[in-house]
Amino acid sequence: MGASPTFTAFAGSRRHATGDLSDIARAATRPDAPPVLVFDDASGRVVDLELRHGPDGAVAEYEARAKRSSPPGVQKGRGRPRLGVVAREVTLLPRHWDWLAQQPGGASAALRRLVEEARRTSAGPDRRRAAQEAAYRVMTTLAGDLPAYEDAVRALYAGDAAAFAAHMAPWPPDISDYVQRLAGQAFAPPAGAEPAAGAAG
């Protein structure tokens, strides 16, 4: 099982709380709590918590809403649900179906092999892209009016960690620290790449 999702709440430019959604909801509904913006640490997206329902009600309402908005498409019937296999519609050109039909194990097995191979080869780029997008979302929300915002965005997508940190140096510490944490994988070297000269070993 993967780690439980974590969230961070900001009150203006100050980090108010970090933890699971229940921790955030409790911190945000304390009598002395300021208004907060809540971010999903994995995606950088703003989380809409209906805090008027109280901490437990806010979490339950959010989870129910997230479940309703999950993409449909799982079809009942064929598949191997005990193995976690589900059936969904796939549309391909005739030549693709012809090629799949000739593969060992049939079309489904061939598609699974292709997907697993693609996942292995694209894991690094996917992580970098996800980190860039998460950091960018938070930057746009919390730092869009801060100095050197556009320069920091360019450095983020250029993979220039030193320039990225330098452009954020004048920012409120809680914002720059959070953005740099989310952006960490955006600056990870590709698998097999030699570390840059002078990099810490």
C-alpha atoms as a PDB file:
ATOM      1  CA  MET A   1       0.000   0.000   0.000  1.00  0.00           C
ATOM      2  CA  GLY A   2       1.203   3.538  -0.735  1.00  0.00           C
ATOM      3  CA  ALA A   3       1.580   6.256   1.832  1.00  0.00           C
ATOM      4  CA  SER A   4      -1.564   8.051   2.910  1.00  0.00           C
ATOM      5  CA  PRO A   5      -2.143  11.357   1.113  1.00  0.00           C
ATOM      6  CA  THR A   6      -1.077  14.496   2.940  1.00  0.00           C
ATOM      7  CA  PHE A   7      -2.319  18.060   2.699  1.00  0.00           C
ATOM      8  CA  THR A   8      -1.078  21.521   3.657  1.00  0.00           C
ATOM      9  CA  ALA A   9      -3.154  24.509   4.744  1.00  0.00           C
ATOM     10  CA  PHE A  10      -1.996  28.100   4.250  1.00  0.00           C
ATOM     11  CA  ALA A  11      -3.323  31.174   5.989  1.00  0.00           C
ATOM     12  CA  GLY A  12      -2.127  33.931   3.694  1.00  0.00           C
ATOM     13  CA  SER A  13       1.619  33.402   3.273  1.00  0.00           C
ATOM     14  CA  ARG A  14       1.995  31.303   6.438  1.00  0.00           C
ATOM     15  CA  ARG A  15       1.754  27.542   6.628  1.00  0.00           C
ATOM     16  CA  HIS A  16      -1.051  26.766   9.056  1.00  0.00           C
ATOM     17  CA  ALA A  17      -1.003  22.952   9.202  1.00  0.00           C
ATOM     18  CA  THR A  18       0.281  19.859   7.401  1.00  0.00           C
ATOM     19  CA  GLY A  19      -1.010  16.308   7.743  1.00  0.00           C
ATOM     20  CA  ASP A  20      -3.824  14.060   6.628  1.00  0.00           C
ATOM     21  CA  LEU A  21      -7.180  15.608   5.779  1.00  0.00           C
ATOM     22  CA  SER A  22      -8.561  15.042   9.272  1.00  0.00           C
ATOM     23  CA  ASP A  23      -5.586  16.909  10.785  1.00  0.00           C
ATOM     24  CA  ILE A  24      -6.140  19.799   8.399  1.00  0.00           C
ATOM     25  CA  ALA A  25      -9.888  19.957   9.063  1.00  0.00           C
ATOM     26  CA  ARG A  26      -9.377  19.987  12.832  1.00  0.00           C
ATOM     27  CA  ALA A  27      -6.725  22.718  12.601  1.00  0.00           C
ATOM     28  CA  ALA A  28      -8.903  24.792  10.273  1.00  0.00           C
ATOM     29  CA  THR A  29     -12.005  24.609  12.486  1.00  0.00           C
ATOM     30  CA  ARG A  30     -10.384  25.619  15.767  1.00  0.00           C
ATOM     31  CA  PRO A  31     -12.087  28.701  17.236  1.00  0.00           C
ATOM     32  CA  ASP A  32      -8.967  30.828  16.678  1.00  0.00           C
ATOM     33  CA  ALA A  33      -8.179  29.463  13.206  1.00  0.00           C
ATOM     34  CA  PRO A  34      -7.823  31.978  10.345  1.00  0.00           C
ATOM     35  CA  PRO A  35      -9.320  31.325   6.889  1.00  0.00           C
ATOM     36  CA  VAL A  36      -7.123  28.864   5.041  1.00  0.00           C
ATOM     37  CA  LEU A  37      -6.398  27.485   1.581  1.00  0.00           C
ATOM     38  CA  VAL A  38      -5.840  23.733   1.588  1.00  0.00           C
ATOM     39  CA  PHE A  39      -3.543  22.035  -0.955  1.00  0.00           C
ATOM     40  CA  ASP A  40      -3.177  18.393  -1.890  1.00  0.00           C
ATOM     41  CA  ASP A  41       0.565  17.749  -1.464  1.00  0.00           C
ATOM     42  CA  ALA A  42       0.600  15.184  -4.284  1.00  0.00           C
ATOM     43  CA  SER A  43      -0.972  17.364  -6.977  1.00  0.00           C
ATOM     44  CA  GLY A  44      -0.760  20.939  -5.689  1.00  0.00           C
ATOM     45  CA  ARG A  45      -4.489  21.305  -6.292  1.00  0.00           C
ATOM     46  CA  VAL A  46      -6.650  23.383  -3.961  1.00  0.00           C
ATOM     47  CA  VAL A  47      -8.937  21.190  -1.860  1.00  0.00           C
ATOM     48  CA  ASP A  48     -12.423  22.542  -1.209  1.00  0.00           C
ATOM     49  CA  LEU A  49     -13.345  21.630   2.372  1.00  0.00           C
ATOM     50  CA  GLU A  50     -16.846  22.496   3.555  1.00  0.00           C
ATOM     51  CA  LEU A  51     -15.699  23.420   7.046  1.00  0.00           C
ATOM     52  CA  ARG A  52     -19.169  24.505   8.161  1.00  0.00           C
ATOM     53  CA  HIS A  53     -19.909  20.783   8.541  1.00  0.00           C
ATOM     54  CA  GLY A  54     -17.267  20.471  11.267  1.00  0.00           C
ATOM     55  CA  PRO A  55     -13.996  18.545  10.843  1.00  0.00           C
ATOM     56  CA  ASP A  56     -15.482  15.052  10.514  1.00  0.00           C
ATOM     57  CA  GLY A  57     -18.330  16.238   8.306  1.00  0.00           C
ATOM     58  CA  ALA A  58     -15.950  18.223   6.092  1.00  0.00           C
ATOM     59  CA  VAL A  59     -13.764  15.175   5.478  1.00  0.00           C
ATOM     60  CA  ALA A  60     -16.752  12.891   4.848  1.00  0.00           C
ATOM     61  CA  GLU A  61     -18.309  15.384   2.424  1.00  0.00           C
ATOM     62  CA  TYR A  62     -15.026  15.830   0.542  1.00  0.00           C
ATOM     63  CA  GLU A  63     -14.435  12.090   0.239  1.00  0.00           C
ATOM     64  CA  ALA A  64     -17.996  11.505  -0.971  1.00  0.00           C
ATOM     65  CA  ARG A  65     -17.621  14.281  -3.542  1.00  0.00           C
ATOM     66  CA  ALA A  66     -14.270  12.895  -4.711  1.00  0.00           C
ATOM     67  CA  LYS A  67     -15.795   9.445  -5.105  1.00  0.00           C
ATOM     68  CA  ARG A  68     -18.685  10.827  -7.174  1.00  0.00           C
ATOM     69  CA  SER A  69     -16.254  12.664  -9.461  1.00  0.00           C
ATOM     70  CA  SER A  70     -14.068   9.605 -10.092  1.00  0.00           C
ATOM     71  CA  PRO A  71     -14.013   8.807 -13.819  1.00  0.00           C
ATOM     72  CA  PRO A  72     -16.497   6.101 -14.832  1.00  0.00           C
ATOM     73  CA  GLY A  73     -15.785   3.439 -17.373  1.00  0.00           C
ATOM     74  CA  VAL A  74     -15.472   0.163 -15.502  1.00  0.00           C
ATOM     75  CA  GLN A  75     -17.773  -2.342 -17.118  1.00  0.00           C
ATOM     76  CA  LYS A  76     -19.328  -5.232 -15.250  1.00  0.00           C
ATOM     77  CA  GLY A  77     -19.078  -8.709 -16.634  1.00  0.00           C
ATOM     78  CA  ARG A  78     -15.885  -9.796 -18.321  1.00  0.00           C
ATOM     79  CA  GLY A  79     -12.558  -9.556 -16.574  1.00  0.00           C
ATOM     80  CA  ARG A  80     -10.981 -11.097 -13.486  1.00  0.00           C
ATOM     81  CA  PRO A  81     -12.105  -8.936 -10.550  1.00  0.00           C
ATOM     82  CA  ARG A  82     -10.386 -11.186  -7.986  1.00  0.00           C
ATOM     83  CA  LEU A  83      -7.062 -10.371  -9.649  1.00  0.00           C
ATOM     84  CA  GLY A  84      -7.860  -6.679  -9.928  1.00  0.00           C
ATOM     85  CA  VAL A  85      -8.491  -6.965 -13.682  1.00  0.00           C
ATOM     86  CA  VAL A  86     -11.327  -4.822 -15.019  1.00  0.00           C
ATOM     87  CA  ALA A  87     -12.854  -4.559 -18.468  1.00  0.00           C
ATOM     88  CA  ARG A  88     -12.963  -1.206 -20.272  1.00  0.00           C
ATOM     89  CA  GLU A  89     -13.516  -0.222 -23.850  1.00  0.00           C
ATOM     90  CA  VAL A  90     -10.414   0.128 -26.030  1.00  0.00           C
ATOM     91  CA  THR A  91     -10.591   1.508 -29.566  1.00  0.00           C
ATOM     92  CA  LEU A  92      -7.807   0.671 -32.028  1.00  0.00           C
ATOM     93  CA  LEU A  93      -7.285   0.635 -35.763  1.00  0.00           C
ATOM     94  CA  PRO A  94      -7.694  -2.708 -37.583  1.00  0.00           C
ATOM     95  CA  ARG A  95      -3.935  -3.092 -38.059  1.00  0.00           C
ATOM     96  CA  HIS A  96      -3.453  -2.734 -34.301  1.00  0.00           C
ATOM     97  CA  TRP A  97      -6.009  -5.466 -33.599  1.00  0.00           C
ATOM     98  CA  ASP A  98      -4.330  -7.664 -36.224  1.00  0.00           C
ATOM     99  CA  TRP A  99      -0.951  -7.220 -34.540  1.00  0.00           C
ATOM    100  CA  LEU A 100      -2.361  -7.855 -31.060  1.00  0.00           C
ATOM    101  CA  ALA A 101      -4.098 -11.031 -32.232  1.00  0.00           C
ATOM    102  CA  GLN A 102      -0.701 -12.476 -33.220  1.00  0.00           C
ATOM    103  CA  GLN A 103       0.912 -11.861 -29.817  1.00  0.00           C
ATOM    104  CA  PRO A 104       1.409 -14.629 -27.239  1.00  0.00           C
ATOM    105  CA  GLY A 105      -1.459 -14.704 -24.765  1.00  0.00           C
ATOM    106  CA  GLY A 106      -3.784 -12.666 -26.951  1.00  0.00           C
ATOM    107  CA  ALA A 107      -4.676  -8.993 -27.089  1.00  0.00           C
ATOM    108  CA  SER A 108      -5.262  -8.418 -23.373  1.00  0.00           C
ATOM    109  CA  ALA A 109      -1.952  -9.951 -22.307  1.00  0.00           C
ATOM    110  CA  ALA A 110      -0.080  -8.031 -25.005  1.00  0.00           C
ATOM    111  CA  LEU A 111      -1.666  -4.742 -23.962  1.00  0.00           C
ATOM    112  CA  ARG A 112      -0.780  -5.369 -20.324  1.00  0.00           C
ATOM    113  CA  ARG A 113       2.849  -6.035 -21.286  1.00  0.00           C
ATOM    114  CA  LEU A 114       2.980  -2.862 -23.383  1.00  0.00           C
ATOM    115  CA  VAL A 115       1.510  -0.751 -20.580  1.00  0.00           C
ATOM    116  CA  GLU A 116       3.932  -2.154 -17.980  1.00  0.00           C
ATOM    117  CA  GLU A 117       6.896  -1.489 -20.257  1.00  0.00           C
ATOM    118  CA  ALA A 118       5.684   2.057 -20.924  1.00  0.00           C
ATOM    119  CA  ARG A 119       5.262   2.634 -17.202  1.00  0.00           C
ATOM    120  CA  ARG A 120       8.839   1.515 -16.534  1.00  0.00           C
ATOM    121  CA  THR A 121      10.400   3.634 -19.252  1.00  0.00           C
ATOM    122  CA  SER A 122       8.346   6.761 -18.502  1.00  0.00           C
ATOM    123  CA  ALA A 123       8.439   6.623 -14.692  1.00  0.00           C
ATOM    124  CA  GLY A 124      11.158   9.281 -14.359  1.00  0.00           C
ATOM    125  CA  PRO A 125       9.675  11.772 -16.844  1.00  0.00           C
ATOM    126  CA  ASP A 126       6.224  11.216 -15.350  1.00  0.00           C
ATOM    127  CA  ARG A 127       7.493  12.027 -11.854  1.00  0.00           C
ATOM    128  CA  ARG A 128       9.259  15.152 -13.091  1.00  0.00           C
ATOM    129  CA  ARG A 129       6.173  16.315 -14.956  1.00  0.00           C
ATOM    130  CA  ALA A 130       3.910  15.675 -11.947  1.00  0.00           C
ATOM    131  CA  ALA A 131       6.281  17.599  -9.667  1.00  0.00           C
ATOM    132  CA  GLN A 132       6.430  20.519 -12.091  1.00  0.00           C
ATOM    133  CA  GLU A 133       2.649  20.662 -12.333  1.00  0.00           C
ATOM    134  CA  ALA A 134       2.134  20.434  -8.559  1.00  0.00           C
ATOM    135  CA  ALA A 135       4.660  23.198  -7.866  1.00  0.00           C
ATOM    136  CA  TYR A 136       3.257  25.369 -10.644  1.00  0.00           C
ATOM    137  CA  ARG A 137      -0.303  25.104  -9.289  1.00  0.00           C
ATOM    138  CA  VAL A 138       0.791  26.210  -5.824  1.00  0.00           C
ATOM    139  CA  MET A 139       2.985  28.976  -7.232  1.00  0.00           C
ATOM    140  CA  THR A 140       0.102  30.315  -9.310  1.00  0.00           C
ATOM    141  CA  THR A 141      -2.213  30.370  -6.284  1.00  0.00           C
ATOM    142  CA  LEU A 142       0.145  31.648  -3.585  1.00  0.00           C
ATOM    143  CA  ALA A 143       2.926  33.454  -5.433  1.00  0.00           C
ATOM    144  CA  GLY A 144       1.465  34.864  -8.635  1.00  0.00           C
ATOM    145  CA  ASP A 145       1.997  38.427  -7.399  1.00  0.00           C
ATOM    146  CA  LEU A 146       5.405  37.862  -5.811  1.00  0.00           C
ATOM    147  CA  PRO A 147       8.656  39.191  -7.329  1.00  0.00           C
ATOM    148  CA  ALA A 148      10.344  37.040  -9.996  1.00  0.00           C
ATOM    149  CA  TYR A 149       7.332  34.720 -10.190  1.00  0.00           C
ATOM    150  CA  GLU A 150       7.614  34.312 -13.970  1.00  0.00           C
ATOM    151  CA  ASP A 151      11.374  33.802 -13.747  1.00  0.00           C
ATOM    152  CA  ALA A 152      10.829  31.079 -11.144  1.00  0.00           C
ATOM    153  CA  VAL A 153       8.289  29.365 -13.397  1.00  0.00           C
ATOM    154  CA  ARG A 154      10.725  29.402 -16.310  1.00  0.00           C
ATOM    155  CA  ALA A 155      13.469  27.929 -14.111  1.00  0.00           C
ATOM    156  CA  LEU A 156      11.078  25.230 -12.891  1.00  0.00           C
ATOM    157  CA  TYR A 157      10.300  24.040 -16.412  1.00  0.00           C
ATOM    158  CA  ALA A 158      13.924  24.433 -17.514  1.00  0.00           C
ATOM    159  CA  GLY A 159      15.050  22.124 -14.712  1.00  0.00           C
ATOM    160  CA  ASP A 160      17.362  24.787 -13.279  1.00  0.00           C
ATOM    161  CA  ALA A 161      17.226  24.152  -9.525  1.00  0.00           C
ATOM    162  CA  ALA A 162      19.745  26.873  -8.605  1.00  0.00           C
ATOM    163  CA  ALA A 163      17.906  29.596 -10.521  1.00  0.00           C
ATOM    164  CA  PHE A 164      14.582  28.332  -9.183  1.00  0.00           C
ATOM    165  CA  ALA A 165      15.743  28.713  -5.584  1.00  0.00           C
ATOM    166  CA  ALA A 166      17.385  32.078  -6.286  1.00  0.00           C
ATOM    167  CA  HIS A 167      14.244  33.582  -7.800  1.00  0.00           C
ATOM    168  CA  MET A 168      12.203  32.464  -4.783  1.00  0.00           C
ATOM    169  CA  ALA A 169      14.691  33.790  -2.208  1.00  0.00           C
ATOM    170  CA  PRO A 170      12.693  37.010  -1.552  1.00  0.00           C
ATOM    171  CA  TRP A 171       9.427  35.093  -1.107  1.00  0.00           C
ATOM    172  CA  PRO A 172       7.869  34.357   2.299  1.00  0.00           C
ATOM    173  CA  PRO A 173       9.782  31.353   3.679  1.00  0.00           C
ATOM    174  CA  ASP A 174       6.752  29.106   4.132  1.00  0.00           C
ATOM    175  CA  ILE A 175       5.746  29.540   0.495  1.00  0.00           C
ATOM    176  CA  SER A 176       9.209  29.027  -0.955  1.00  0.00           C
ATOM    177  CA  ASP A 177       9.860  26.006   1.281  1.00  0.00           C
ATOM    178  CA  TYR A 178       6.567  24.371   0.310  1.00  0.00           C
ATOM    179  CA  VAL A 179       7.010  25.026  -3.400  1.00  0.00           C
ATOM    180  CA  GLN A 180      10.551  23.642  -3.337  1.00  0.00           C
ATOM    181  CA  ARG A 181       9.349  20.530  -1.530  1.00  0.00           C
ATOM    182  CA  LEU A 182       6.684  19.872  -4.145  1.00  0.00           C
ATOM    183  CA  ALA A 183       9.142  20.588  -6.964  1.00  0.00           C
ATOM    184  CA  GLY A 184      11.841  18.232  -5.692  1.00  0.00           C
ATOM    185  CA  GLN A 185      11.347  15.518  -8.322  1.00  0.00           C
ATOM    186  CA  ALA A 186      11.274  18.144 -11.079  1.00  0.00           C
ATOM    187  CA  PHE A 187      15.039  18.458 -10.716  1.00  0.00           C
ATOM    188  CA  ALA A 188      15.882  14.768 -10.329  1.00  0.00           C
ATOM    189  CA  PRO A 189      18.424  13.665 -12.951  1.00  0.00           C
ATOM    190  CA  PRO A 190      17.259  11.101 -15.516  1.00  0.00           C
ATOM    191  CA  ALA A 191      17.982   7.485 -14.639  1.00  0.00           C
ATOM    192  CA  GLY A 192      21.604   6.666 -15.404  1.00  0.00           C
ATOM    193  CA  ALA A 193      22.650  10.313 -15.743  1.00  0.00           C
ATOM    194  CA  GLU A 194      25.923  11.406 -14.219  1.00  0.00           C
ATOM    195  CA  PRO A 195      25.549  13.859 -11.320  1.00  0.00           C
ATOM    196  CA  ALA A 196      26.455  17.444 -12.088  1.00  0.00           C
ATOM    197  CA  ALA A 197      29.948  18.564 -11.212  1.00  0.00           C
ATOM    198  CA  GLY A 198      30.075  19.786  -7.643  1.00  0.00           C
ATOM    199  CA  ALA A 199      26.822  18.068  -6.698  1.00  0.00           C
ATOM    200  CA  ALA A 200      26.677  16.577  -3.252  1.00  0.00           C
ATOM    201  CA  GLY A 201      27.344  12.867  -3.222  1.00  0.00           C
END
